[in-house]
Amino acid sequence: MFLKKTPLIMALILFMSGVNLLASAFDATLPGYVLPNPKGGHLFRELLHLVLVLLWLLAV
């Protein structure tokens, strides 16, 4: 009932759902594109390691 009265909110919800779907698909396929690349694989692993270390430091 509320969404019928405010169609802009429904449009916003659908738009953000689409953005989330695209971001999830990109997040799932990015390692497959970067890791086999000789130039990008090493950098990706280093960035992943850095993020994991920072998360570990924040948790301690």
PDB file of N, CA and C in Angstrom:
ATOM      1  N   MET A   1       0.821  -1.185   0.000  1.00  0.00           N
ATOM      2  CA  MET A   1       0.000   0.000   0.000  1.00  0.00           C
ATOM      3  C   MET A   1       0.875   1.263   0.000  1.00  0.00           C
ATOM      4  N   PHE A   2       1.901   1.250   0.853  1.00  0.00           N
ATOM      5  CA  PHE A   2       2.779   2.412   0.927  1.00  0.00           C
ATOM      6  C   PHE A   2       3.525   2.637  -0.382  1.00  0.00           C
ATOM      7  N   LEU A   3       4.006   1.554  -0.993  1.00  0.00           N
ATOM      8  CA  LEU A   3       4.772   1.686  -2.241  1.00  0.00           C
ATOM      9  C   LEU A   3       3.881   2.107  -3.415  1.00  0.00           C
ATOM     10  N   LYS A   4       2.591   1.788  -3.342  1.00  0.00           N
ATOM     11  CA  LYS A   4       1.676   2.260  -4.391  1.00  0.00           C
ATOM     12  C   LYS A   4       1.465   3.762  -4.296  1.00  0.00           C
ATOM     13  N   LYS A   5       1.502   4.282  -3.072  1.00  0.00           N
ATOM     14  CA  LYS A   5       1.332   5.726  -2.887  1.00  0.00           C
ATOM     15  C   LYS A   5       2.593   6.502  -3.236  1.00  0.00           C
ATOM     16  N   THR A   6       3.731   5.859  -3.093  1.00  0.00           N
ATOM     17  CA  THR A   6       5.016   6.530  -3.362  1.00  0.00           C
ATOM     18  C   THR A   6       5.817   5.705  -4.373  1.00  0.00           C
ATOM     19  N   PRO A   7       5.538   5.866  -5.657  1.00  0.00           N
ATOM     20  CA  PRO A   7       6.235   5.059  -6.671  1.00  0.00           C
ATOM     21  C   PRO A   7       7.724   5.397  -6.780  1.00  0.00           C
ATOM     22  N   LEU A   8       8.111   6.583  -6.358  1.00  0.00           N
ATOM     23  CA  LEU A   8       9.529   6.943  -6.415  1.00  0.00           C
ATOM     24  C   LEU A   8      10.357   6.075  -5.463  1.00  0.00           C
ATOM     25  N   ILE A   9       9.785   5.748  -4.312  1.00  0.00           N
ATOM     26  CA  ILE A   9      10.485   4.867  -3.367  1.00  0.00           C
ATOM     27  C   ILE A   9      10.661   3.479  -3.988  1.00  0.00           C
ATOM     28  N   MET A  10       9.633   2.995  -4.659  1.00  0.00           N
ATOM     29  CA  MET A  10       9.727   1.686  -5.330  1.00  0.00           C
ATOM     30  C   MET A  10      10.783   1.719  -6.424  1.00  0.00           C
ATOM     31  N   ALA A  11      10.831   2.804  -7.180  1.00  0.00           N
ATOM     32  CA  ALA A  11      11.840   2.934  -8.233  1.00  0.00           C
ATOM     33  C   ALA A  11      13.238   2.964  -7.625  1.00  0.00           C
ATOM     34  N   LEU A  12      13.390   3.641  -6.503  1.00  0.00           N
ATOM     35  CA  LEU A  12      14.690   3.695  -5.827  1.00  0.00           C
ATOM     36  C   LEU A  12      15.105   2.324  -5.325  1.00  0.00           C
ATOM     37  N   ILE A  13      14.162   1.584  -4.758  1.00  0.00           N
ATOM     38  CA  ILE A  13      14.452   0.230  -4.270  1.00  0.00           C
ATOM     39  C   ILE A  13      14.872  -0.666  -5.435  1.00  0.00           C
ATOM     40  N   LEU A  14      14.153  -0.585  -6.551  1.00  0.00           N
ATOM     41  CA  LEU A  14      14.507  -1.415  -7.714  1.00  0.00           C
ATOM     42  C   LEU A  14      15.861  -1.015  -8.296  1.00  0.00           C
ATOM     43  N   PHE A  15      16.141   0.284  -8.339  1.00  0.00           N
ATOM     44  CA  PHE A  15      17.428   0.752  -8.851  1.00  0.00           C
ATOM     45  C   PHE A  15      18.572   0.255  -7.976  1.00  0.00           C
ATOM     46  N   MET A  16      18.428   0.397  -6.664  1.00  0.00           N
ATOM     47  CA  MET A  16      19.489  -0.053  -5.758  1.00  0.00           C
ATOM     48  C   MET A  16      19.642  -1.566  -5.793  1.00  0.00           C
ATOM     49  N   SER A  17      18.554  -2.287  -6.015  1.00  0.00           N
ATOM     50  CA  SER A  17      18.648  -3.744  -6.159  1.00  0.00           C
ATOM     51  C   SER A  17      19.446  -4.112  -7.400  1.00  0.00           C
ATOM     52  N   GLY A  18      19.215  -3.373  -8.482  1.00  0.00           N
ATOM     53  CA  GLY A  18      19.987  -3.614  -9.699  1.00  0.00           C
ATOM     54  C   GLY A  18      21.455  -3.302  -9.525  1.00  0.00           C
ATOM     55  N   VAL A  19      21.756  -2.220  -8.822  1.00  0.00           N
ATOM     56  CA  VAL A  19      23.159  -1.866  -8.546  1.00  0.00           C
ATOM     57  C   VAL A  19      23.808  -2.958  -7.703  1.00  0.00           C
ATOM     58  N   ASN A  20      23.093  -3.446  -6.710  1.00  0.00           N
ATOM     59  CA  ASN A  20      23.625  -4.508  -5.855  1.00  0.00           C
ATOM     60  C   ASN A  20      23.858  -5.788  -6.651  1.00  0.00           C
ATOM     61  N   LEU A  21      22.956  -6.114  -7.554  1.00  0.00           N
ATOM     62  CA  LEU A  21      23.116  -7.309  -8.382  1.00  0.00           C
ATOM     63  C   LEU A  21      24.344  -7.194  -9.278  1.00  0.00           C
ATOM     64  N   LEU A  22      24.528  -6.039  -9.905  1.00  0.00           N
ATOM     65  CA  LEU A  22      25.698  -5.846 -10.755  1.00  0.00           C
ATOM     66  C   LEU A  22      26.987  -5.869  -9.947  1.00  0.00           C
ATOM     67  N   ALA A  23      26.979  -5.254  -8.771  1.00  0.00           N
ATOM     68  CA  ALA A  23      28.171  -5.248  -7.938  1.00  0.00           C
ATOM     69  C   ALA A  23      28.520  -6.659  -7.480  1.00  0.00           C
ATOM     70  N   SER A  24      27.525  -7.449  -7.157  1.00  0.00           N
ATOM     71  CA  SER A  24      27.774  -8.831  -6.735  1.00  0.00           C
ATOM     72  C   SER A  24      28.339  -9.660  -7.884  1.00  0.00           C
ATOM     73  N   ALA A  25      27.793  -9.473  -9.069  1.00  0.00           N
ATOM     74  CA  ALA A  25      28.304 -10.216 -10.227  1.00  0.00           C
ATOM     75  C   ALA A  25      29.732  -9.800 -10.544  1.00  0.00           C
ATOM     76  N   PHE A  26      30.020  -8.508 -10.465  1.00  0.00           N
ATOM     77  CA  PHE A  26      31.381  -8.036 -10.720  1.00  0.00           C
ATOM     78  C   PHE A  26      32.339  -8.552  -9.661  1.00  0.00           C
ATOM     79  N   ASP A  27      31.900  -8.552  -8.399  1.00  0.00           N
ATOM     80  CA  ASP A  27      32.742  -9.044  -7.311  1.00  0.00           C
ATOM     81  C   ASP A  27      33.035 -10.532  -7.480  1.00  0.00           C
ATOM     82  N   ALA A  28      32.085 -11.281  -8.012  1.00  0.00           N
ATOM     83  CA  ALA A  28      32.280 -12.716  -8.197  1.00  0.00           C
ATOM     84  C   ALA A  28      33.199 -13.023  -9.372  1.00  0.00           C
ATOM     85  N   THR A  29      33.204 -12.180 -10.401  1.00  0.00           N
ATOM     86  CA  THR A  29      33.988 -12.482 -11.597  1.00  0.00           C
ATOM     87  C   THR A  29      35.341 -11.781 -11.636  1.00  0.00           C
ATOM     88  N   LEU A  30      35.546 -10.765 -10.797  1.00  0.00           N
ATOM     89  CA  LEU A  30      36.804 -10.014 -10.846  1.00  0.00           C
ATOM     90  C   LEU A  30      38.036 -10.882 -10.616  1.00  0.00           C
ATOM     91  N   PRO A  31      38.068 -11.751  -9.608  1.00  0.00           N
ATOM     92  CA  PRO A  31      39.278 -12.565  -9.438  1.00  0.00           C
ATOM     93  C   PRO A  31      39.589 -13.434 -10.655  1.00  0.00           C
ATOM     94  N   GLY A  32      38.564 -13.877 -11.353  1.00  0.00           N
ATOM     95  CA  GLY A  32      38.801 -14.686 -12.549  1.00  0.00           C
ATOM     96  C   GLY A  32      39.447 -13.905 -13.677  1.00  0.00           C
ATOM     97  N   TYR A  33      39.229 -12.596 -13.705  1.00  0.00           N
ATOM     98  CA  TYR A  33      39.849 -11.761 -14.726  1.00  0.00           C
ATOM     99  C   TYR A  33      41.242 -11.293 -14.313  1.00  0.00           C
ATOM    100  N   VAL A  34      41.441 -11.064 -13.036  1.00  0.00           N
ATOM    101  CA  VAL A  34      42.693 -10.452 -12.577  1.00  0.00           C
ATOM    102  C   VAL A  34      43.772 -11.485 -12.300  1.00  0.00           C
ATOM    103  N   LEU A  35      43.421 -12.586 -11.653  1.00  0.00           N
ATOM    104  CA  LEU A  35      44.446 -13.540 -11.230  1.00  0.00           C
ATOM    105  C   LEU A  35      45.208 -14.177 -12.390  1.00  0.00           C
ATOM    106  N   PRO A  36      44.564 -14.568 -13.502  1.00  0.00           N
ATOM    107  CA  PRO A  36      45.348 -15.158 -14.586  1.00  0.00           C
ATOM    108  C   PRO A  36      46.254 -14.147 -15.302  1.00  0.00           C
ATOM    109  N   ASN A  37      45.963 -12.866 -15.161  1.00  0.00           N
ATOM    110  CA  ASN A  37      46.762 -11.838 -15.818  1.00  0.00           C
ATOM    111  C   ASN A  37      48.118 -11.732 -15.118  1.00  0.00           C
ATOM    112  N   PRO A  38      49.236 -11.872 -15.848  1.00  0.00           N
ATOM    113  CA  PRO A  38      50.548 -11.812 -15.201  1.00  0.00           C
ATOM    114  C   PRO A  38      50.827 -10.463 -14.543  1.00  0.00           C
ATOM    115  N   LYS A  39      50.268  -9.398 -15.068  1.00  0.00           N
ATOM    116  CA  LYS A  39      50.516  -8.082 -14.483  1.00  0.00           C
ATOM    117  C   LYS A  39      49.588  -7.815 -13.300  1.00  0.00           C
ATOM    118  N   GLY A  40      48.370  -8.348 -13.339  1.00  0.00           N
ATOM    119  CA  GLY A  40      47.391  -8.016 -12.321  1.00  0.00           C
ATOM    120  C   GLY A  40      47.307  -9.002 -11.179  1.00  0.00           C
ATOM    121  N   GLY A  41      47.733 -10.231 -11.383  1.00  0.00           N
ATOM    122  CA  GLY A  41      47.597 -11.246 -10.349  1.00  0.00           C
ATOM    123  C   GLY A  41      48.394 -10.936  -9.108  1.00  0.00           C
ATOM    124  N   HIS A  42      49.625 -10.499  -9.286  1.00  0.00           N
ATOM    125  CA  HIS A  42      50.489 -10.203  -8.155  1.00  0.00           C
ATOM    126  C   HIS A  42      49.944  -9.015  -7.363  1.00  0.00           C
ATOM    127  N   LEU A  43      49.522  -7.997  -8.061  1.00  0.00           N
ATOM    128  CA  LEU A  43      48.977  -6.813  -7.396  1.00  0.00           C
ATOM    129  C   LEU A  43      47.705  -7.154  -6.639  1.00  0.00           C
ATOM    130  N   PHE A  44      46.851  -7.973  -7.220  1.00  0.00           N
ATOM    131  CA  PHE A  44      45.610  -8.359  -6.564  1.00  0.00           C
ATOM    132  C   PHE A  44      45.901  -9.129  -5.281  1.00  0.00           C
ATOM    133  N   ARG A  45      46.857 -10.040  -5.326  1.00  0.00           N
ATOM    134  CA  ARG A  45      47.201 -10.808  -4.126  1.00  0.00           C
ATOM    135  C   ARG A  45      47.784  -9.911  -3.048  1.00  0.00           C
ATOM    136  N   GLU A  46      48.607  -8.929  -3.440  1.00  0.00           N
ATOM    137  CA  GLU A  46      49.175  -8.008  -2.455  1.00  0.00           C
ATOM    138  C   GLU A  46      48.091  -7.143  -1.818  1.00  0.00           C
ATOM    139  N   LEU A  47      47.152  -6.657  -2.620  1.00  0.00           N
ATOM    140  CA  LEU A  47      46.067  -5.852  -2.073  1.00  0.00           C
ATOM    141  C   LEU A  47      45.182  -6.684  -1.146  1.00  0.00           C
ATOM    142  N   LEU A  48      44.907  -7.912  -1.514  1.00  0.00           N
ATOM    143  CA  LEU A  48      44.119  -8.790  -0.666  1.00  0.00           C
ATOM    144  C   LEU A  48      44.836  -9.041   0.654  1.00  0.00           C
ATOM    145  N   HIS A  49      46.125  -9.270   0.588  1.00  0.00           N
ATOM    146  CA  HIS A  49      46.912  -9.483   1.798  1.00  0.00           C
ATOM    147  C   HIS A  49      46.885  -8.239   2.677  1.00  0.00           C
ATOM    148  N   LEU A  50      47.025  -7.063   2.085  1.00  0.00           N
ATOM    149  CA  LEU A  50      46.988  -5.815   2.840  1.00  0.00           C
ATOM    150  C   LEU A  50      45.646  -5.627   3.541  1.00  0.00           C
ATOM    151  N   VAL A  51      44.569  -5.887   2.843  1.00  0.00           N
ATOM    152  CA  VAL A  51      43.238  -5.746   3.441  1.00  0.00           C
ATOM    153  C   VAL A  51      43.063  -6.724   4.591  1.00  0.00           C
ATOM    154  N   LEU A  52      43.516  -7.959   4.409  1.00  0.00           N
ATOM    155  CA  LEU A  52      43.384  -8.944   5.481  1.00  0.00           C
ATOM    156  C   LEU A  52      44.208  -8.562   6.704  1.00  0.00           C
ATOM    157  N   VAL A  53      45.401  -8.043   6.497  1.00  0.00           N
ATOM    158  CA  VAL A  53      46.234  -7.610   7.623  1.00  0.00           C
ATOM    159  C   VAL A  53      45.586  -6.433   8.343  1.00  0.00           C
ATOM    160  N   LEU A  54      45.049  -5.477   7.590  1.00  0.00           N
ATOM    161  CA  LEU A  54      44.391  -4.333   8.221  1.00  0.00           C
ATOM    162  C   LEU A  54      43.162  -4.767   9.016  1.00  0.00           C
ATOM    163  N   LEU A  55      42.400  -5.692   8.477  1.00  0.00           N
ATOM    164  CA  LEU A  55      41.239  -6.204   9.208  1.00  0.00           C
ATOM    165  C   LEU A  55      41.672  -6.929  10.477  1.00  0.00           C
ATOM    166  N   TRP A  56      42.764  -7.664  10.384  1.00  0.00           N
ATOM    167  CA  TRP A  56      43.275  -8.374  11.562  1.00  0.00           C
ATOM    168  C   TRP A  56      43.730  -7.379  12.622  1.00  0.00           C
ATOM    169  N   LEU A  57      44.401  -6.297  12.188  1.00  0.00           N
ATOM    170  CA  LEU A  57      44.847  -5.286  13.143  1.00  0.00           C
ATOM    171  C   LEU A  57      43.667  -4.563  13.794  1.00  0.00           C
ATOM    172  N   LEU A  58      42.615  -4.322  13.031  1.00  0.00           N
ATOM    173  CA  LEU A  58      41.441  -3.685  13.613  1.00  0.00           C
ATOM    174  C   LEU A  58      40.723  -4.599  14.604  1.00  0.00           C
ATOM    175  N   ALA A  59      40.803  -5.892  14.380  1.00  0.00           N
ATOM    176  CA  ALA A  59      40.127  -6.842  15.257  1.00  0.00           C
ATOM    177  C   ALA A  59      40.875  -7.031  16.567  1.00  0.00           C
ATOM    178  N   VAL A  60      42.162  -6.783  16.562  1.00  0.00           N
ATOM    179  CA  VAL A  60      42.972  -7.011  17.777  1.00  0.00           C
ATOM    180  C   VAL A  60      42.825  -5.894  18.745  1.00  0.00           C
TER     181      VAL A  60
END
